[in-house]
Amino acid sequence: MHSHLFWPSQGDIGIFSVCQGIREINCAFCSNLYGDLSAFKNCRILSTMIFDVCLHIKGDLGFLKKHSIRSLKRVGLSGCSQLTGDIAAFSYCGNLKVLALNQCTNLTGDILCLKSCRKLFDLDVQGCTKLR
């Protein structure tokens, strides 16, 4: 049985902090969503996290390193310009295959850190002006 969650188009994503059984979440283009991505720190089986063009989503990627969500395979955060932190946090997601971060203008770090993501085949960092 798969646990897919498609959330209404508005509200605080903090509600997900108690939803440890989520495997996939797709809230792309839900412009009225807000909150901190760290709400997913306890979602140990989360494989897909899509918040493309959710302009009010914020947070520091450091929670990925601290809580080591190794199950993540697909991440879409394109256009989430309020996100901060070093993309090295994704190097702890060893199963990552797709990482879309275009226009995440406040993310920092060196994309070479992602070489530890051996399964990564699709990387989009267009417009991430602080990456090197």
N, C-alpha and C. Protein backbone atom coordinates (compact mmCIF):
# COMPACT_ATOMS: atom_id res chain seq x y z
N MET A 1 0.84 -1.17 0.00
CA MET A 1 0.00 0.00 0.00
C MET A 1 0.88 1.24 0.00
N HIS A 2 0.57 2.18 -0.83
CA HIS A 2 1.34 3.41 -0.93
C HIS A 2 0.64 4.51 -0.16
N SER A 3 1.43 5.34 0.47
CA SER A 3 0.90 6.49 1.19
C SER A 3 1.22 7.74 0.39
N HIS A 4 0.30 8.16 -0.43
CA HIS A 4 0.46 9.37 -1.24
C HIS A 4 -0.37 10.45 -0.57
N LEU A 5 0.14 11.67 -0.59
CA LEU A 5 -0.60 12.74 0.02
C LEU A 5 -0.62 13.93 -0.92
N PHE A 6 -1.78 14.36 -1.27
CA PHE A 6 -1.96 15.56 -2.07
C PHE A 6 -2.75 16.52 -1.21
N TRP A 7 -2.12 17.61 -0.85
CA TRP A 7 -2.63 18.54 0.15
C TRP A 7 -3.47 19.62 -0.52
N PRO A 8 -4.45 20.16 0.19
CA PRO A 8 -5.18 21.31 -0.34
C PRO A 8 -4.20 22.44 -0.68
N SER A 9 -4.65 23.40 -1.41
CA SER A 9 -3.76 24.41 -1.96
C SER A 9 -3.38 25.52 -0.97
N GLN A 10 -3.76 25.42 0.29
CA GLN A 10 -3.38 26.45 1.25
C GLN A 10 -3.18 25.85 2.63
N GLY A 11 -2.37 26.53 3.44
CA GLY A 11 -2.16 26.10 4.81
C GLY A 11 -0.70 25.90 5.15
N ASP A 12 -0.48 25.58 6.42
CA ASP A 12 0.87 25.40 6.97
C ASP A 12 1.30 23.95 6.81
N ILE A 13 2.46 23.74 6.19
CA ILE A 13 2.95 22.37 6.01
C ILE A 13 3.43 21.77 7.33
N GLY A 14 3.46 22.55 8.39
CA GLY A 14 3.84 22.04 9.70
C GLY A 14 2.99 20.87 10.15
N ILE A 15 1.79 20.75 9.62
CA ILE A 15 0.89 19.65 9.96
C ILE A 15 1.54 18.29 9.65
N PHE A 16 2.45 18.28 8.69
CA PHE A 16 3.09 17.02 8.29
C PHE A 16 4.07 16.49 9.32
N SER A 17 4.39 17.26 10.31
CA SER A 17 5.36 16.82 11.31
C SER A 17 4.88 15.59 12.07
N VAL A 18 3.60 15.32 12.05
CA VAL A 18 3.07 14.13 12.74
C VAL A 18 2.74 12.99 11.77
N CYS A 19 3.00 13.19 10.51
CA CYS A 19 2.66 12.21 9.48
C CYS A 19 3.90 11.41 9.07
N GLN A 20 4.34 10.52 9.92
CA GLN A 20 5.58 9.79 9.67
C GLN A 20 5.46 8.75 8.57
N GLY A 21 4.27 8.37 8.17
CA GLY A 21 4.07 7.34 7.17
C GLY A 21 3.97 7.83 5.74
N ILE A 22 4.21 9.11 5.51
CA ILE A 22 4.12 9.66 4.15
C ILE A 22 5.27 9.11 3.30
N ARG A 23 4.92 8.63 2.11
CA ARG A 23 5.93 8.19 1.15
C ARG A 23 6.13 9.19 0.03
N GLU A 24 5.05 9.80 -0.40
CA GLU A 24 5.13 10.76 -1.50
C GLU A 24 4.22 11.94 -1.21
N ILE A 25 4.74 13.13 -1.51
CA ILE A 25 3.93 14.33 -1.38
C ILE A 25 4.22 15.22 -2.59
N ASN A 26 3.16 15.66 -3.24
CA ASN A 26 3.28 16.53 -4.39
C ASN A 26 2.35 17.72 -4.20
N CYS A 27 2.95 18.86 -3.89
CA CYS A 27 2.19 20.09 -3.69
C CYS A 27 2.67 21.18 -4.65
N ALA A 28 3.14 20.77 -5.80
CA ALA A 28 3.65 21.73 -6.79
C ALA A 28 2.58 22.77 -7.12
N PHE A 29 3.03 24.01 -7.24
CA PHE A 29 2.21 25.15 -7.63
C PHE A 29 1.10 25.49 -6.64
N CYS A 30 1.22 25.03 -5.41
CA CYS A 30 0.27 25.41 -4.36
C CYS A 30 0.79 26.70 -3.73
N SER A 31 0.47 27.79 -4.34
CA SER A 31 1.07 29.07 -3.99
C SER A 31 0.64 29.60 -2.61
N ASN A 32 -0.37 29.03 -2.01
CA ASN A 32 -0.81 29.49 -0.70
C ASN A 32 -0.34 28.60 0.44
N LEU A 33 0.54 27.66 0.14
CA LEU A 33 1.16 26.87 1.20
C LEU A 33 2.29 27.67 1.81
N TYR A 34 2.52 27.46 3.09
CA TYR A 34 3.62 28.13 3.76
C TYR A 34 4.16 27.22 4.85
N GLY A 35 5.32 27.56 5.36
CA GLY A 35 5.90 26.81 6.46
C GLY A 35 7.31 26.36 6.17
N ASP A 36 7.86 25.62 7.12
CA ASP A 36 9.25 25.20 7.09
C ASP A 36 9.35 23.74 6.66
N LEU A 37 10.25 23.47 5.72
CA LEU A 37 10.45 22.10 5.23
C LEU A 37 10.87 21.12 6.32
N SER A 38 11.41 21.61 7.41
CA SER A 38 11.84 20.71 8.48
C SER A 38 10.66 19.95 9.09
N ALA A 39 9.44 20.30 8.70
CA ALA A 39 8.26 19.55 9.16
C ALA A 39 8.36 18.08 8.74
N PHE A 40 9.19 17.80 7.75
CA PHE A 40 9.33 16.43 7.24
C PHE A 40 10.49 15.66 7.86
N LYS A 41 11.08 16.20 8.90
CA LYS A 41 12.27 15.58 9.48
C LYS A 41 12.02 14.18 10.05
N ASN A 42 10.81 13.87 10.41
CA ASN A 42 10.50 12.54 10.96
C ASN A 42 9.87 11.59 9.95
N CYS A 43 9.81 12.01 8.71
CA CYS A 43 9.21 11.18 7.66
C CYS A 43 10.29 10.28 7.06
N ARG A 44 10.61 9.22 7.73
CA ARG A 44 11.74 8.35 7.39
C ARG A 44 11.55 7.55 6.10
N ILE A 45 10.30 7.40 5.63
CA ILE A 45 10.08 6.63 4.40
C ILE A 45 9.69 7.52 3.21
N LEU A 46 9.82 8.82 3.39
CA LEU A 46 9.49 9.77 2.33
C LEU A 46 10.42 9.58 1.14
N SER A 47 9.85 9.27 -0.02
CA SER A 47 10.68 9.07 -1.21
C SER A 47 10.53 10.21 -2.22
N THR A 48 9.38 10.88 -2.23
CA THR A 48 9.13 11.97 -3.17
C THR A 48 8.61 13.18 -2.42
N MET A 49 9.29 14.32 -2.61
CA MET A 49 8.88 15.56 -1.98
C MET A 49 8.92 16.66 -3.04
N ILE A 50 7.73 17.07 -3.49
CA ILE A 50 7.61 18.07 -4.56
C ILE A 50 6.87 19.30 -4.02
N PHE A 51 7.58 20.42 -4.03
CA PHE A 51 7.00 21.71 -3.66
C PHE A 51 7.40 22.78 -4.68
N ASP A 52 7.52 22.38 -5.93
CA ASP A 52 7.90 23.33 -6.98
C ASP A 52 6.96 24.53 -6.98
N VAL A 53 7.53 25.70 -7.06
CA VAL A 53 6.82 26.98 -7.16
C VAL A 53 5.85 27.21 -5.99
N CYS A 54 6.21 26.72 -4.84
CA CYS A 54 5.50 27.05 -3.60
C CYS A 54 6.31 28.17 -2.95
N LEU A 55 5.99 29.38 -3.28
CA LEU A 55 6.82 30.53 -2.99
C LEU A 55 6.97 30.87 -1.51
N HIS A 56 6.12 30.32 -0.67
CA HIS A 56 6.16 30.65 0.76
C HIS A 56 6.76 29.53 1.61
N ILE A 57 7.31 28.53 0.97
CA ILE A 57 7.99 27.45 1.68
C ILE A 57 9.40 27.94 2.02
N LYS A 58 9.80 27.71 3.25
CA LYS A 58 11.12 28.20 3.69
C LYS A 58 11.81 27.12 4.51
N GLY A 59 12.96 27.47 5.01
CA GLY A 59 13.69 26.58 5.89
C GLY A 59 15.12 26.38 5.44
N ASP A 60 15.91 25.84 6.33
CA ASP A 60 17.31 25.53 6.07
C ASP A 60 17.41 24.05 5.76
N LEU A 61 18.14 23.72 4.69
CA LEU A 61 18.29 22.32 4.28
C LEU A 61 19.04 21.48 5.31
N GLY A 62 19.62 22.10 6.30
CA GLY A 62 20.37 21.39 7.31
C GLY A 62 19.62 20.26 7.98
N PHE A 63 18.29 20.33 8.02
CA PHE A 63 17.52 19.25 8.65
C PHE A 63 17.73 17.92 7.94
N LEU A 64 18.05 17.96 6.64
CA LEU A 64 18.30 16.72 5.89
C LEU A 64 19.54 16.02 6.41
N LYS A 65 20.54 16.78 6.74
CA LYS A 65 21.78 16.23 7.29
C LYS A 65 21.55 15.69 8.70
N LYS A 66 20.91 16.49 9.50
CA LYS A 66 20.70 16.13 10.90
C LYS A 66 19.81 14.91 11.06
N HIS A 67 18.78 14.80 10.23
CA HIS A 67 17.80 13.72 10.38
C HIS A 67 17.96 12.63 9.34
N SER A 68 18.84 12.83 8.40
CA SER A 68 19.24 11.81 7.43
C SER A 68 18.06 11.05 6.82
N ILE A 69 17.33 11.73 5.96
CA ILE A 69 16.20 11.11 5.27
C ILE A 69 16.75 10.39 4.04
N ARG A 70 17.25 9.20 4.23
CA ARG A 70 17.92 8.43 3.18
C ARG A 70 16.96 7.89 2.13
N SER A 71 15.68 7.88 2.43
CA SER A 71 14.69 7.31 1.50
C SER A 71 14.37 8.25 0.34
N LEU A 72 14.74 9.52 0.41
CA LEU A 72 14.40 10.48 -0.64
C LEU A 72 15.01 10.08 -1.98
N LYS A 73 14.15 9.98 -2.99
CA LYS A 73 14.59 9.65 -4.35
C LYS A 73 14.34 10.81 -5.31
N ARG A 74 13.30 11.58 -5.05
CA ARG A 74 12.90 12.66 -5.96
C ARG A 74 12.54 13.89 -5.15
N VAL A 75 13.23 14.99 -5.42
CA VAL A 75 12.99 16.25 -4.72
C VAL A 75 12.78 17.35 -5.74
N GLY A 76 11.69 18.06 -5.62
CA GLY A 76 11.39 19.20 -6.48
C GLY A 76 11.11 20.42 -5.63
N LEU A 77 12.04 21.34 -5.63
CA LEU A 77 11.90 22.56 -4.84
C LEU A 77 12.12 23.80 -5.71
N SER A 78 11.99 23.63 -7.00
CA SER A 78 12.23 24.73 -7.93
C SER A 78 11.35 25.93 -7.60
N GLY A 79 11.97 27.09 -7.60
CA GLY A 79 11.24 28.32 -7.33
C GLY A 79 11.02 28.63 -5.87
N CYS A 80 11.50 27.80 -4.99
CA CYS A 80 11.37 28.04 -3.54
C CYS A 80 12.53 28.91 -3.09
N SER A 81 12.45 30.17 -3.41
CA SER A 81 13.58 31.08 -3.20
C SER A 81 13.82 31.43 -1.73
N GLN A 82 12.92 31.06 -0.84
CA GLN A 82 13.13 31.33 0.58
C GLN A 82 13.93 30.23 1.27
N LEU A 83 14.19 29.13 0.57
CA LEU A 83 15.00 28.07 1.16
C LEU A 83 16.44 28.53 1.29
N THR A 84 17.08 28.11 2.38
CA THR A 84 18.47 28.48 2.63
C THR A 84 19.26 27.23 2.97
N GLY A 85 20.55 27.41 3.07
CA GLY A 85 21.43 26.32 3.50
C GLY A 85 22.31 25.82 2.37
N ASP A 86 23.17 24.90 2.75
CA ASP A 86 24.15 24.32 1.85
C ASP A 86 23.57 23.07 1.19
N ILE A 87 23.72 22.96 -0.12
CA ILE A 87 23.19 21.79 -0.82
C ILE A 87 23.92 20.51 -0.42
N ALA A 88 24.99 20.63 0.33
CA ALA A 88 25.68 19.44 0.84
C ALA A 88 24.74 18.58 1.67
N ALA A 89 23.68 19.17 2.19
CA ALA A 89 22.69 18.40 2.96
C ALA A 89 22.11 17.26 2.12
N PHE A 90 22.02 17.44 0.81
CA PHE A 90 21.49 16.38 -0.05
C PHE A 90 22.47 15.23 -0.22
N SER A 91 23.72 15.43 0.12
CA SER A 91 24.70 14.34 0.00
C SER A 91 24.41 13.22 0.99
N TYR A 92 23.56 13.48 1.97
CA TYR A 92 23.15 12.46 2.93
C TYR A 92 21.95 11.66 2.45
N CYS A 93 21.45 12.00 1.29
CA CYS A 93 20.30 11.31 0.68
C CYS A 93 20.84 10.39 -0.41
N GLY A 94 21.40 9.28 -0.01
CA GLY A 94 22.10 8.38 -0.92
C GLY A 94 21.26 7.76 -2.02
N ASN A 95 19.96 7.76 -1.89
CA ASN A 95 19.08 7.18 -2.91
C ASN A 95 18.52 8.22 -3.88
N LEU A 96 18.96 9.47 -3.75
CA LEU A 96 18.44 10.55 -4.56
C LEU A 96 18.72 10.33 -6.05
N LYS A 97 17.64 10.42 -6.86
CA LYS A 97 17.75 10.24 -8.31
C LYS A 97 17.47 11.54 -9.07
N VAL A 98 16.52 12.34 -8.56
CA VAL A 98 16.11 13.58 -9.23
C VAL A 98 16.14 14.71 -8.20
N LEU A 99 16.84 15.78 -8.56
CA LEU A 99 16.93 16.94 -7.68
C LEU A 99 16.73 18.21 -8.52
N ALA A 100 15.59 18.86 -8.33
CA ALA A 100 15.25 20.08 -9.07
C ALA A 100 15.23 21.25 -8.10
N LEU A 101 16.21 22.13 -8.27
CA LEU A 101 16.35 23.28 -7.38
C LEU A 101 16.40 24.59 -8.14
N ASN A 102 16.01 24.59 -9.41
CA ASN A 102 16.19 25.81 -10.19
C ASN A 102 15.48 26.99 -9.53
N GLN A 103 16.16 28.13 -9.61
CA GLN A 103 15.71 29.40 -9.04
C GLN A 103 15.62 29.40 -7.52
N CYS A 104 16.31 28.48 -6.86
CA CYS A 104 16.44 28.53 -5.40
C CYS A 104 17.66 29.42 -5.13
N THR A 105 17.44 30.69 -5.17
CA THR A 105 18.52 31.67 -5.23
C THR A 105 19.27 31.87 -3.92
N ASN A 106 18.80 31.30 -2.82
CA ASN A 106 19.49 31.47 -1.54
C ASN A 106 20.24 30.23 -1.09
N LEU A 107 20.24 29.18 -1.91
CA LEU A 107 21.00 27.98 -1.56
C LEU A 107 22.48 28.22 -1.88
N THR A 108 23.33 27.66 -1.06
CA THR A 108 24.77 27.84 -1.22
C THR A 108 25.45 26.48 -1.32
N GLY A 109 26.73 26.52 -1.61
CA GLY A 109 27.53 25.30 -1.61
C GLY A 109 28.11 24.97 -2.97
N ASP A 110 28.79 23.85 -2.99
CA ASP A 110 29.48 23.37 -4.18
C ASP A 110 28.75 22.14 -4.70
N ILE A 111 28.36 22.17 -5.96
CA ILE A 111 27.61 21.03 -6.51
C ILE A 111 28.44 19.75 -6.54
N LEU A 112 29.75 19.86 -6.42
CA LEU A 112 30.59 18.66 -6.38
C LEU A 112 30.29 17.79 -5.16
N CYS A 113 29.67 18.37 -4.13
CA CYS A 113 29.32 17.58 -2.95
C CYS A 113 28.30 16.50 -3.28
N LEU A 114 27.60 16.65 -4.39
CA LEU A 114 26.57 15.70 -4.77
C LEU A 114 27.13 14.44 -5.43
N LYS A 115 28.44 14.38 -5.59
CA LYS A 115 29.03 13.18 -6.20
C LYS A 115 28.81 11.94 -5.36
N SER A 116 28.52 12.12 -4.08
CA SER A 116 28.21 10.96 -3.22
C SER A 116 26.81 10.39 -3.51
N CYS A 117 26.00 11.14 -4.23
CA CYS A 117 24.67 10.67 -4.63
C CYS A 117 24.82 9.90 -5.94
N ARG A 118 25.28 8.69 -5.85
CA ARG A 118 25.63 7.89 -7.02
C ARG A 118 24.44 7.54 -7.91
N LYS A 119 23.23 7.62 -7.39
CA LYS A 119 22.04 7.30 -8.18
C LYS A 119 21.45 8.54 -8.86
N LEU A 120 21.98 9.72 -8.54
CA LEU A 120 21.47 10.97 -9.10
C LEU A 120 21.71 11.03 -10.60
N PHE A 121 20.61 11.16 -11.38
CA PHE A 121 20.75 11.26 -12.83
C PHE A 121 20.11 12.52 -13.40
N ASP A 122 19.34 13.25 -12.60
CA ASP A 122 18.68 14.46 -13.09
C ASP A 122 18.88 15.57 -12.06
N LEU A 123 19.70 16.54 -12.40
CA LEU A 123 20.01 17.66 -11.51
C LEU A 123 19.71 18.96 -12.23
N ASP A 124 18.89 19.82 -11.63
CA ASP A 124 18.56 21.12 -12.21
C ASP A 124 18.85 22.19 -11.18
N VAL A 125 19.90 22.96 -11.41
CA VAL A 125 20.26 24.05 -10.51
C VAL A 125 20.33 25.39 -11.26
N GLN A 126 19.63 25.45 -12.37
CA GLN A 126 19.60 26.68 -13.17
C GLN A 126 19.09 27.84 -12.31
N GLY A 127 19.79 28.95 -12.34
CA GLY A 127 19.37 30.13 -11.61
C GLY A 127 19.75 30.13 -10.14
N CYS A 128 20.44 29.11 -9.68
CA CYS A 128 20.92 29.06 -8.30
C CYS A 128 22.25 29.81 -8.25
N THR A 129 22.16 31.09 -8.16
CA THR A 129 23.31 31.96 -8.38
C THR A 129 24.38 31.88 -7.30
N LYS A 130 24.06 31.33 -6.14
CA LYS A 130 25.05 31.23 -5.06
C LYS A 130 25.78 29.89 -5.02
N LEU A 131 25.42 28.99 -5.95
CA LEU A 131 26.11 27.70 -6.00
C LEU A 131 27.37 27.85 -6.84
N ARG A 132 28.33 27.00 -6.54
CA ARG A 132 29.55 27.00 -7.36
C ARG A 132 29.83 25.61 -7.84
